Amino acid sequence: MSTLSEARQAFDQNERGLLYEAVIQTLRARQQHDVLESEADYLAGAMAVLNHIFPHPDGPEKISNHIPVVWIMYPMAGRSVLDAYKDSEVH
């Protein structure tokens, strides 16, 4: 039997996973409908929201531990984040 703390942690992880999935699904839909002007700008906005919802324990000047690394590294390398999520789970 899990403790309440473990149950809450599992719930939080699932909620973050659903949030990540929603971001990628929306990004994919914007691309499919030819309304995605900048994947990097879209992800920067999503990361700003995640940074606000799940702040870094050391303060707001640091990036949240809950932002997927691929959302930062792929745009910096000129790659599409959607490539990372092809044929795989989102979170």
N, C-alpha and C. Protein backbone atom coordinates (compact mmCIF):
# COMPACT_ATOMS: atom_id res chain seq x y z
N MET A 1 0.85 -1.18 0.00
CA MET A 1 0.00 0.00 0.00
C MET A 1 0.89 1.24 0.00
N SER A 2 0.54 2.21 -0.81
CA SER A 2 1.34 3.42 -0.88
C SER A 2 0.85 4.46 0.13
N THR A 3 1.76 5.32 0.48
CA THR A 3 1.41 6.39 1.41
C THR A 3 0.70 7.50 0.63
N LEU A 4 0.10 8.40 1.35
CA LEU A 4 -0.57 9.54 0.72
C LEU A 4 0.43 10.37 -0.07
N SER A 5 1.63 10.52 0.47
CA SER A 5 2.68 11.27 -0.22
C SER A 5 3.06 10.61 -1.54
N GLU A 6 3.20 9.29 -1.55
CA GLU A 6 3.53 8.57 -2.79
C GLU A 6 2.40 8.68 -3.79
N ALA A 7 1.17 8.60 -3.31
CA ALA A 7 0.01 8.73 -4.19
C ALA A 7 -0.04 10.13 -4.81
N ARG A 8 0.24 11.14 -4.02
CA ARG A 8 0.25 12.52 -4.52
C ARG A 8 1.35 12.70 -5.56
N GLN A 9 2.51 12.12 -5.32
CA GLN A 9 3.62 12.23 -6.26
C GLN A 9 3.27 11.56 -7.59
N ALA A 10 2.64 10.39 -7.52
CA ALA A 10 2.23 9.69 -8.74
C ALA A 10 1.19 10.52 -9.49
N PHE A 11 0.26 11.12 -8.77
CA PHE A 11 -0.75 11.97 -9.40
C PHE A 11 -0.10 13.16 -10.08
N ASP A 12 0.84 13.81 -9.40
CA ASP A 12 1.53 14.96 -9.96
C ASP A 12 2.29 14.59 -11.23
N GLN A 13 2.96 13.44 -11.22
CA GLN A 13 3.70 13.00 -12.40
C GLN A 13 2.75 12.74 -13.57
N ASN A 14 1.61 12.14 -13.28
CA ASN A 14 0.62 11.88 -14.32
C ASN A 14 0.07 13.20 -14.88
N GLU A 15 -0.20 14.15 -14.00
CA GLU A 15 -0.72 15.45 -14.45
C GLU A 15 0.30 16.18 -15.32
N ARG A 16 1.56 16.14 -14.94
CA ARG A 16 2.60 16.76 -15.76
C ARG A 16 2.68 16.06 -17.11
N GLY A 17 2.61 14.75 -17.10
CA GLY A 17 2.64 14.00 -18.35
C GLY A 17 1.50 14.40 -19.27
N LEU A 18 0.31 14.56 -18.71
CA LEU A 18 -0.84 14.99 -19.51
C LEU A 18 -0.64 16.40 -20.04
N LEU A 19 -0.03 17.25 -19.23
CA LEU A 19 0.25 18.62 -19.67
C LEU A 19 1.26 18.63 -20.81
N TYR A 20 2.33 17.85 -20.69
CA TYR A 20 3.32 17.74 -21.76
C TYR A 20 2.66 17.24 -23.04
N GLU A 21 1.81 16.23 -22.89
CA GLU A 21 1.11 15.66 -24.05
C GLU A 21 0.24 16.70 -24.73
N ALA A 22 -0.46 17.51 -23.94
CA ALA A 22 -1.32 18.55 -24.50
C ALA A 22 -0.49 19.59 -25.27
N VAL A 23 0.67 19.95 -24.74
CA VAL A 23 1.54 20.91 -25.43
C VAL A 23 1.98 20.36 -26.78
N ILE A 24 2.41 19.11 -26.82
CA ILE A 24 2.88 18.50 -28.06
C ILE A 24 1.73 18.30 -29.04
N GLN A 25 0.57 17.89 -28.55
CA GLN A 25 -0.58 17.72 -29.44
C GLN A 25 -1.00 19.05 -30.07
N THR A 26 -0.98 20.11 -29.30
CA THR A 26 -1.32 21.43 -29.82
C THR A 26 -0.27 21.90 -30.82
N LEU A 27 0.99 21.66 -30.51
CA LEU A 27 2.07 22.01 -31.43
C LEU A 27 1.90 21.27 -32.76
N ARG A 28 1.61 19.99 -32.67
CA ARG A 28 1.41 19.17 -33.87
C ARG A 28 0.21 19.67 -34.68
N ALA A 29 -0.89 20.01 -34.00
CA ALA A 29 -2.09 20.51 -34.69
C ALA A 29 -1.81 21.84 -35.37
N ARG A 30 -1.07 22.72 -34.71
CA ARG A 30 -0.73 24.01 -35.32
C ARG A 30 0.11 23.80 -36.58
N GLN A 31 1.01 22.83 -36.54
CA GLN A 31 1.83 22.54 -37.71
C GLN A 31 0.97 21.98 -38.84
N GLN A 32 0.08 21.07 -38.53
CA GLN A 32 -0.77 20.44 -39.54
C GLN A 32 -1.71 21.44 -40.21
N HIS A 33 -2.11 22.47 -39.48
CA HIS A 33 -3.02 23.48 -40.02
C HIS A 33 -2.28 24.71 -40.56
N ASP A 34 -0.97 24.59 -40.69
CA ASP A 34 -0.13 25.67 -41.24
C ASP A 34 -0.29 27.01 -40.52
N VAL A 35 -0.45 26.94 -39.20
CA VAL A 35 -0.53 28.18 -38.42
C VAL A 35 0.62 28.29 -37.41
N LEU A 36 1.58 27.37 -37.52
CA LEU A 36 2.74 27.40 -36.64
C LEU A 36 3.82 28.25 -37.28
N GLU A 37 4.00 29.46 -36.76
CA GLU A 37 5.01 30.35 -37.32
C GLU A 37 6.41 30.04 -36.78
N SER A 38 6.48 29.71 -35.50
CA SER A 38 7.78 29.43 -34.88
C SER A 38 7.62 28.40 -33.77
N GLU A 39 8.15 27.22 -34.01
CA GLU A 39 8.08 26.17 -32.99
C GLU A 39 8.82 26.61 -31.72
N ALA A 40 9.95 27.25 -31.88
CA ALA A 40 10.74 27.70 -30.73
C ALA A 40 9.97 28.72 -29.90
N ASP A 41 9.28 29.66 -30.55
CA ASP A 41 8.49 30.65 -29.81
C ASP A 41 7.33 30.00 -29.05
N TYR A 42 6.67 29.05 -29.72
CA TYR A 42 5.57 28.33 -29.08
C TYR A 42 6.07 27.61 -27.83
N LEU A 43 7.19 26.90 -27.98
CA LEU A 43 7.75 26.15 -26.84
C LEU A 43 8.24 27.09 -25.74
N ALA A 44 8.78 28.24 -26.11
CA ALA A 44 9.22 29.21 -25.10
C ALA A 44 8.04 29.64 -24.24
N GLY A 45 6.90 29.85 -24.87
CA GLY A 45 5.69 30.21 -24.13
C GLY A 45 5.24 29.08 -23.21
N ALA A 46 5.25 27.85 -23.74
CA ALA A 46 4.87 26.69 -22.93
C ALA A 46 5.83 26.52 -21.75
N MET A 47 7.12 26.72 -22.00
CA MET A 47 8.10 26.58 -20.93
C MET A 47 7.93 27.68 -19.87
N ALA A 48 7.56 28.88 -20.30
CA ALA A 48 7.33 29.96 -19.34
C ALA A 48 6.17 29.60 -18.40
N VAL A 49 5.12 29.00 -18.97
CA VAL A 49 3.99 28.58 -18.15
C VAL A 49 4.41 27.48 -17.18
N LEU A 50 5.13 26.48 -17.69
CA LEU A 50 5.59 25.39 -16.82
C LEU A 50 6.51 25.91 -15.73
N ASN A 51 7.35 26.86 -16.07
CA ASN A 51 8.27 27.44 -15.08
C ASN A 51 7.49 28.14 -13.97
N HIS A 52 6.35 28.71 -14.33
CA HIS A 52 5.51 29.39 -13.33
C HIS A 52 4.74 28.38 -12.48
N ILE A 53 4.20 27.35 -13.13
CA ILE A 53 3.40 26.35 -12.41
C ILE A 53 4.27 25.47 -11.52
N PHE A 54 5.44 25.07 -12.04
CA PHE A 54 6.35 24.19 -11.31
C PHE A 54 7.70 24.90 -11.13
N PRO A 55 7.78 25.89 -10.25
CA PRO A 55 9.03 26.66 -10.12
C PRO A 55 10.18 25.81 -9.58
N HIS A 56 11.38 26.25 -9.90
CA HIS A 56 12.59 25.60 -9.38
C HIS A 56 12.65 25.86 -7.87
N PRO A 57 13.07 24.87 -7.09
CA PRO A 57 13.13 25.06 -5.63
C PRO A 57 14.07 26.17 -5.18
N ASP A 58 15.07 26.51 -6.02
CA ASP A 58 16.02 27.55 -5.65
C ASP A 58 15.59 28.95 -6.07
N GLY A 59 14.41 29.07 -6.66
CA GLY A 59 13.91 30.39 -7.01
C GLY A 59 13.55 30.54 -8.47
N PRO A 60 12.84 31.62 -8.79
CA PRO A 60 12.34 31.82 -10.15
C PRO A 60 13.41 32.15 -11.19
N GLU A 61 14.60 32.50 -10.75
CA GLU A 61 15.66 32.83 -11.71
C GLU A 61 16.26 31.58 -12.36
N LYS A 62 15.91 30.41 -11.85
CA LYS A 62 16.40 29.14 -12.41
C LYS A 62 15.27 28.45 -13.16
N ILE A 63 15.65 27.67 -14.17
CA ILE A 63 14.65 26.97 -14.96
C ILE A 63 14.12 25.76 -14.18
N SER A 64 12.85 25.53 -14.30
CA SER A 64 12.19 24.44 -13.60
C SER A 64 12.78 23.08 -14.00
N ASN A 65 12.83 22.19 -13.04
CA ASN A 65 13.28 20.82 -13.30
C ASN A 65 12.24 20.03 -14.10
N HIS A 66 11.05 20.59 -14.26
CA HIS A 66 9.96 19.88 -14.90
C HIS A 66 9.81 20.22 -16.38
N ILE A 67 10.73 20.99 -16.92
CA ILE A 67 10.70 21.30 -18.35
C ILE A 67 11.52 20.24 -19.08
N PRO A 68 10.90 19.55 -20.04
CA PRO A 68 11.63 18.52 -20.78
C PRO A 68 12.86 19.09 -21.49
N VAL A 69 13.99 18.46 -21.32
CA VAL A 69 15.25 18.94 -21.89
C VAL A 69 15.17 19.04 -23.42
N VAL A 70 14.45 18.11 -24.03
CA VAL A 70 14.34 18.11 -25.49
C VAL A 70 13.68 19.40 -25.99
N TRP A 71 12.81 20.01 -25.19
CA TRP A 71 12.16 21.26 -25.60
C TRP A 71 13.17 22.41 -25.69
N ILE A 72 14.27 22.28 -25.01
CA ILE A 72 15.31 23.31 -25.04
C ILE A 72 16.38 22.97 -26.09
N MET A 73 16.85 21.74 -26.06
CA MET A 73 17.97 21.35 -26.90
C MET A 73 17.64 21.23 -28.39
N TYR A 74 16.49 20.68 -28.73
CA TYR A 74 16.17 20.51 -30.15
C TYR A 74 16.07 21.85 -30.88
N PRO A 75 15.32 22.83 -30.38
CA PRO A 75 15.29 24.11 -31.09
C PRO A 75 16.68 24.76 -31.20
N MET A 76 17.51 24.60 -30.17
CA MET A 76 18.85 25.18 -30.22
C MET A 76 19.70 24.51 -31.30
N ALA A 77 19.39 23.24 -31.61
CA ALA A 77 20.13 22.50 -32.62
C ALA A 77 19.48 22.60 -34.01
N GLY A 78 18.39 23.39 -34.10
CA GLY A 78 17.71 23.55 -35.38
C GLY A 78 16.84 22.35 -35.75
N ARG A 79 16.48 21.55 -34.76
CA ARG A 79 15.65 20.37 -35.00
C ARG A 79 14.24 20.61 -34.47
N SER A 80 13.29 19.89 -35.03
CA SER A 80 11.90 19.98 -34.58
C SER A 80 11.69 19.08 -33.36
N VAL A 81 11.05 19.63 -32.36
CA VAL A 81 10.71 18.84 -31.18
C VAL A 81 9.76 17.72 -31.55
N LEU A 82 8.95 17.94 -32.56
CA LEU A 82 8.01 16.92 -32.99
C LEU A 82 8.73 15.66 -33.46
N ASP A 83 9.96 15.80 -33.95
CA ASP A 83 10.75 14.63 -34.35
C ASP A 83 11.04 13.73 -33.14
N ALA A 84 11.21 14.33 -31.99
CA ALA A 84 11.50 13.56 -30.78
C ALA A 84 10.29 12.75 -30.32
N TYR A 85 9.09 13.19 -30.71
CA TYR A 85 7.88 12.54 -30.24
C TYR A 85 7.19 11.71 -31.31
N LYS A 86 7.84 11.49 -32.44
CA LYS A 86 7.27 10.64 -33.48
C LYS A 86 7.23 9.20 -32.98
N ASP A 87 6.10 8.57 -33.13
CA ASP A 87 5.94 7.13 -32.83
C ASP A 87 6.38 6.75 -31.43
N SER A 88 6.25 7.65 -30.47
CA SER A 88 6.59 7.30 -29.09
C SER A 88 5.64 8.03 -28.17
N GLU A 89 5.69 7.64 -26.90
CA GLU A 89 4.87 8.32 -25.91
C GLU A 89 5.40 9.74 -25.74
N VAL A 90 4.50 10.64 -25.39
CA VAL A 90 4.86 12.04 -25.27
C VAL A 90 5.64 12.32 -24.00
N HIS A 91 5.32 11.70 -22.91
CA HIS A 91 5.96 12.04 -21.65
C HIS A 91 6.85 10.98 -21.14
